[in-house]
């Protein structure tokens, strides 16, 4: 299973999003320290009702918690756009 599929599966299981889009931007960061170590750069747009009433920081923490150890080994950078269904 590729990284994007693993990331998506973890986020779906934890946050039950209505929409999720993950873009692997690793190729644009070739030569970067994190890329040399094998970790990737990703952009994430995720829409979940679980974000309702949560600050941006809390939403990011929810995502980091769902991704667990991937944030330390497989993901070097993650650009996040976390929205509620009403914010779409």
N, C-alpha and C. Protein backbone atom coordinates (compact mmCIF):
# COMPACT_ATOMS: atom_id res chain seq x y z
N UNK A 1 0.85 -1.18 0.00
CA UNK A 1 0.00 0.00 0.00
C UNK A 1 0.90 1.25 0.00
N UNK A 2 0.62 2.20 -0.89
CA UNK A 2 1.44 3.41 -0.94
C UNK A 2 1.10 4.36 0.21
N UNK A 3 1.95 5.35 0.43
CA UNK A 3 1.78 6.27 1.55
C UNK A 3 0.48 7.04 1.52
N UNK A 4 0.11 7.53 0.35
CA UNK A 4 -1.13 8.31 0.26
C UNK A 4 -2.32 7.45 0.68
N UNK A 5 -2.33 6.20 0.28
CA UNK A 5 -3.42 5.29 0.65
C UNK A 5 -3.43 5.05 2.16
N UNK A 6 -2.27 4.90 2.75
CA UNK A 6 -2.16 4.69 4.20
C UNK A 6 -2.63 5.94 4.95
N UNK A 7 -2.18 7.10 4.50
CA UNK A 7 -2.59 8.36 5.13
C UNK A 7 -4.11 8.50 5.05
N UNK A 8 -4.66 8.28 3.88
CA UNK A 8 -6.11 8.42 3.70
C UNK A 8 -6.88 7.44 4.58
N UNK A 9 -6.43 6.20 4.65
CA UNK A 9 -7.11 5.20 5.47
C UNK A 9 -7.13 5.60 6.94
N UNK A 10 -6.01 6.10 7.43
CA UNK A 10 -5.96 6.51 8.85
C UNK A 10 -6.90 7.69 9.12
N UNK A 11 -6.89 8.66 8.22
CA UNK A 11 -7.74 9.83 8.41
C UNK A 11 -9.22 9.47 8.30
N UNK A 12 -9.56 8.59 7.37
CA UNK A 12 -10.96 8.15 7.22
C UNK A 12 -11.43 7.43 8.49
N UNK A 13 -10.60 6.56 9.02
CA UNK A 13 -10.98 5.79 10.21
C UNK A 13 -11.17 6.69 11.43
N UNK A 14 -10.30 7.67 11.59
CA UNK A 14 -10.33 8.50 12.79
C UNK A 14 -11.30 9.68 12.71
N UNK A 15 -11.42 10.28 11.53
CA UNK A 15 -12.16 11.55 11.42
C UNK A 15 -13.42 11.47 10.57
N UNK A 16 -13.69 10.35 9.95
CA UNK A 16 -14.88 10.12 9.14
C UNK A 16 -15.21 11.32 8.25
N UNK A 17 -14.25 11.72 7.40
CA UNK A 17 -14.45 12.91 6.58
C UNK A 17 -15.50 12.72 5.49
N UNK A 18 -16.14 13.83 5.12
CA UNK A 18 -17.06 13.83 3.99
C UNK A 18 -16.29 13.98 2.69
N UNK A 19 -15.12 14.59 2.79
CA UNK A 19 -14.26 14.78 1.62
C UNK A 19 -12.82 14.74 2.09
N UNK A 20 -11.97 14.13 1.27
CA UNK A 20 -10.54 14.12 1.57
C UNK A 20 -9.77 14.12 0.25
N UNK A 21 -8.76 14.95 0.19
CA UNK A 21 -7.90 15.03 -0.98
C UNK A 21 -6.46 15.15 -0.50
N UNK A 22 -5.62 14.24 -0.95
CA UNK A 22 -4.21 14.24 -0.56
C UNK A 22 -3.38 14.32 -1.83
N UNK A 23 -2.47 15.28 -1.86
CA UNK A 23 -1.58 15.43 -3.00
C UNK A 23 -0.15 15.20 -2.54
N UNK A 24 0.54 14.31 -3.23
CA UNK A 24 1.95 14.06 -2.94
C UNK A 24 2.78 15.12 -3.66
N UNK A 25 3.39 16.00 -2.90
CA UNK A 25 4.20 17.09 -3.45
C UNK A 25 5.70 16.80 -3.29
N UNK A 26 6.04 15.57 -3.02
CA UNK A 26 7.43 15.20 -2.72
C UNK A 26 8.39 15.52 -3.86
N UNK A 27 7.97 15.32 -5.09
CA UNK A 27 8.85 15.56 -6.24
C UNK A 27 9.31 17.02 -6.31
N UNK A 28 8.47 17.92 -5.86
CA UNK A 28 8.82 19.34 -5.88
C UNK A 28 9.84 19.69 -4.80
N UNK A 29 10.12 18.76 -3.91
CA UNK A 29 11.05 19.00 -2.80
C UNK A 29 12.27 18.11 -2.86
N UNK A 30 12.57 17.58 -4.03
CA UNK A 30 13.74 16.72 -4.20
C UNK A 30 14.99 17.47 -3.75
N UNK A 31 15.83 16.80 -3.00
CA UNK A 31 17.05 17.41 -2.50
C UNK A 31 16.88 18.04 -1.13
N UNK A 32 15.64 18.26 -0.71
CA UNK A 32 15.35 18.80 0.61
C UNK A 32 15.73 17.76 1.65
N UNK A 33 16.11 18.18 2.83
CA UNK A 33 16.58 17.26 3.88
C UNK A 33 15.59 16.13 4.15
N UNK A 34 14.32 16.45 4.29
CA UNK A 34 13.33 15.42 4.56
C UNK A 34 13.17 14.46 3.41
N UNK A 35 13.26 14.97 2.19
CA UNK A 35 13.14 14.11 1.00
C UNK A 35 14.32 13.15 0.92
N UNK A 36 15.51 13.62 1.25
CA UNK A 36 16.69 12.74 1.23
C UNK A 36 16.53 11.58 2.20
N UNK A 37 15.82 11.83 3.30
CA UNK A 37 15.61 10.78 4.30
C UNK A 37 14.47 9.84 3.94
N UNK A 38 13.78 10.12 2.84
CA UNK A 38 12.72 9.23 2.38
C UNK A 38 11.31 9.64 2.80
N UNK A 39 11.19 10.64 3.66
CA UNK A 39 9.87 11.10 4.08
C UNK A 39 9.29 12.03 3.02
N UNK A 40 7.95 12.07 2.94
CA UNK A 40 7.31 12.83 1.87
C UNK A 40 6.74 14.16 2.30
N UNK A 41 6.40 14.95 1.29
CA UNK A 41 5.73 16.24 1.45
C UNK A 41 4.33 16.09 0.86
N UNK A 42 3.32 16.46 1.62
CA UNK A 42 1.93 16.25 1.18
C UNK A 42 1.09 17.49 1.46
N UNK A 43 0.05 17.65 0.64
CA UNK A 43 -0.96 18.68 0.85
C UNK A 43 -2.27 17.93 1.13
N UNK A 44 -2.98 18.36 2.16
CA UNK A 44 -4.20 17.70 2.58
C UNK A 44 -5.35 18.70 2.66
N UNK A 45 -6.45 18.36 2.03
CA UNK A 45 -7.71 19.06 2.23
C UNK A 45 -8.67 18.02 2.80
N UNK A 46 -9.23 18.31 3.94
CA UNK A 46 -10.12 17.36 4.60
C UNK A 46 -11.32 18.11 5.17
N UNK A 47 -12.49 17.55 4.94
CA UNK A 47 -13.75 18.14 5.43
C UNK A 47 -14.40 17.11 6.34
N UNK A 48 -14.57 17.48 7.61
CA UNK A 48 -15.15 16.56 8.58
C UNK A 48 -16.05 17.30 9.56
N UNK A 49 -17.20 16.73 9.87
CA UNK A 49 -18.05 17.34 10.89
C UNK A 49 -17.40 17.33 12.27
N UNK A 50 -16.39 16.48 12.46
CA UNK A 50 -15.70 16.43 13.75
C UNK A 50 -14.89 17.70 14.04
N UNK A 51 -14.67 18.52 13.03
CA UNK A 51 -13.92 19.76 13.23
C UNK A 51 -14.80 20.89 13.75
N UNK A 52 -16.11 20.68 13.78
CA UNK A 52 -17.02 21.73 14.21
C UNK A 52 -16.69 22.17 15.64
N UNK A 53 -16.56 23.48 15.83
CA UNK A 53 -16.26 24.03 17.14
C UNK A 53 -14.80 23.95 17.54
N UNK A 54 -13.95 23.40 16.68
CA UNK A 54 -12.52 23.24 16.98
C UNK A 54 -11.72 24.37 16.34
N UNK A 55 -10.70 24.84 17.01
CA UNK A 55 -9.79 25.83 16.44
C UNK A 55 -8.93 25.15 15.37
N UNK A 56 -8.25 25.95 14.58
CA UNK A 56 -7.35 25.40 13.57
C UNK A 56 -6.27 24.52 14.21
N UNK A 57 -5.74 24.97 15.33
CA UNK A 57 -4.71 24.18 16.02
C UNK A 57 -5.28 22.84 16.49
N UNK A 58 -6.46 22.86 17.05
CA UNK A 58 -7.09 21.61 17.51
C UNK A 58 -7.35 20.67 16.34
N UNK A 59 -7.76 21.21 15.20
CA UNK A 59 -8.00 20.38 14.01
C UNK A 59 -6.70 19.72 13.55
N UNK A 60 -5.62 20.50 13.54
CA UNK A 60 -4.33 19.95 13.14
C UNK A 60 -3.90 18.85 14.12
N UNK A 61 -4.10 19.08 15.40
CA UNK A 61 -3.74 18.07 16.40
C UNK A 61 -4.53 16.78 16.19
N UNK A 62 -5.80 16.91 15.83
CA UNK A 62 -6.63 15.73 15.55
C UNK A 62 -6.05 14.94 14.38
N UNK A 63 -5.61 15.66 13.36
CA UNK A 63 -5.02 15.02 12.19
C UNK A 63 -3.70 14.36 12.56
N UNK A 64 -2.84 15.07 13.29
CA UNK A 64 -1.56 14.49 13.71
C UNK A 64 -1.77 13.25 14.56
N UNK A 65 -2.75 13.28 15.44
CA UNK A 65 -3.04 12.11 16.28
C UNK A 65 -3.48 10.93 15.42
N UNK A 66 -4.32 11.20 14.43
CA UNK A 66 -4.78 10.13 13.55
C UNK A 66 -3.63 9.52 12.75
N UNK A 67 -2.67 10.35 12.38
CA UNK A 67 -1.54 9.85 11.58
C UNK A 67 -0.46 9.20 12.43
N UNK A 68 -0.44 9.50 13.71
CA UNK A 68 0.49 8.84 14.63
C UNK A 68 1.93 8.86 14.18
N UNK A 69 2.57 7.73 14.20
CA UNK A 69 4.01 7.62 13.91
C UNK A 69 4.35 7.98 12.47
N UNK A 70 3.37 8.02 11.58
CA UNK A 70 3.65 8.44 10.20
C UNK A 70 4.24 9.86 10.18
N UNK A 71 3.80 10.69 11.13
CA UNK A 71 4.30 12.07 11.20
C UNK A 71 5.78 12.11 11.58
N UNK A 72 6.31 11.07 12.15
CA UNK A 72 7.71 11.05 12.57
C UNK A 72 8.62 10.35 11.58
N UNK A 73 8.03 9.50 10.72
CA UNK A 73 8.87 8.68 9.85
C UNK A 73 8.54 8.79 8.36
N UNK A 74 7.29 8.85 8.01
CA UNK A 74 6.87 8.80 6.61
C UNK A 74 6.51 10.17 6.04
N UNK A 75 6.13 11.09 6.90
CA UNK A 75 5.69 12.42 6.46
C UNK A 75 6.66 13.46 7.00
N UNK A 76 7.31 14.17 6.09
CA UNK A 76 8.22 15.24 6.52
C UNK A 76 7.47 16.57 6.63
N UNK A 77 6.55 16.81 5.69
CA UNK A 77 5.79 18.05 5.70
C UNK A 77 4.35 17.76 5.28
N UNK A 78 3.42 18.44 5.96
CA UNK A 78 2.01 18.25 5.66
C UNK A 78 1.33 19.62 5.69
N UNK A 79 0.88 20.07 4.52
CA UNK A 79 0.14 21.33 4.41
C UNK A 79 -1.33 20.98 4.56
N UNK A 80 -2.00 21.56 5.56
CA UNK A 80 -3.35 21.15 5.94
C UNK A 80 -4.37 22.25 5.70
N UNK A 81 -5.48 21.86 5.09
CA UNK A 81 -6.67 22.69 4.98
C UNK A 81 -7.79 21.84 5.58
N UNK A 82 -8.14 22.10 6.83
CA UNK A 82 -9.13 21.30 7.56
C UNK A 82 -10.38 22.13 7.77
N UNK A 83 -11.50 21.64 7.22
CA UNK A 83 -12.76 22.39 7.22
C UNK A 83 -13.92 21.57 7.76
N UNK A 84 -14.92 22.28 8.24
CA UNK A 84 -16.21 21.62 8.54
C UNK A 84 -17.02 21.62 7.25
N UNK A 85 -18.07 20.81 7.16
CA UNK A 85 -18.91 20.81 5.96
C UNK A 85 -19.48 22.21 5.67
N UNK A 86 -19.77 22.99 6.69
CA UNK A 86 -20.32 24.33 6.50
C UNK A 86 -19.30 25.32 5.94
N UNK A 87 -18.03 25.03 6.11
CA UNK A 87 -16.97 25.94 5.67
C UNK A 87 -16.51 25.70 4.22
N UNK A 88 -17.00 24.66 3.62
CA UNK A 88 -16.58 24.32 2.25
C UNK A 88 -16.88 25.44 1.29
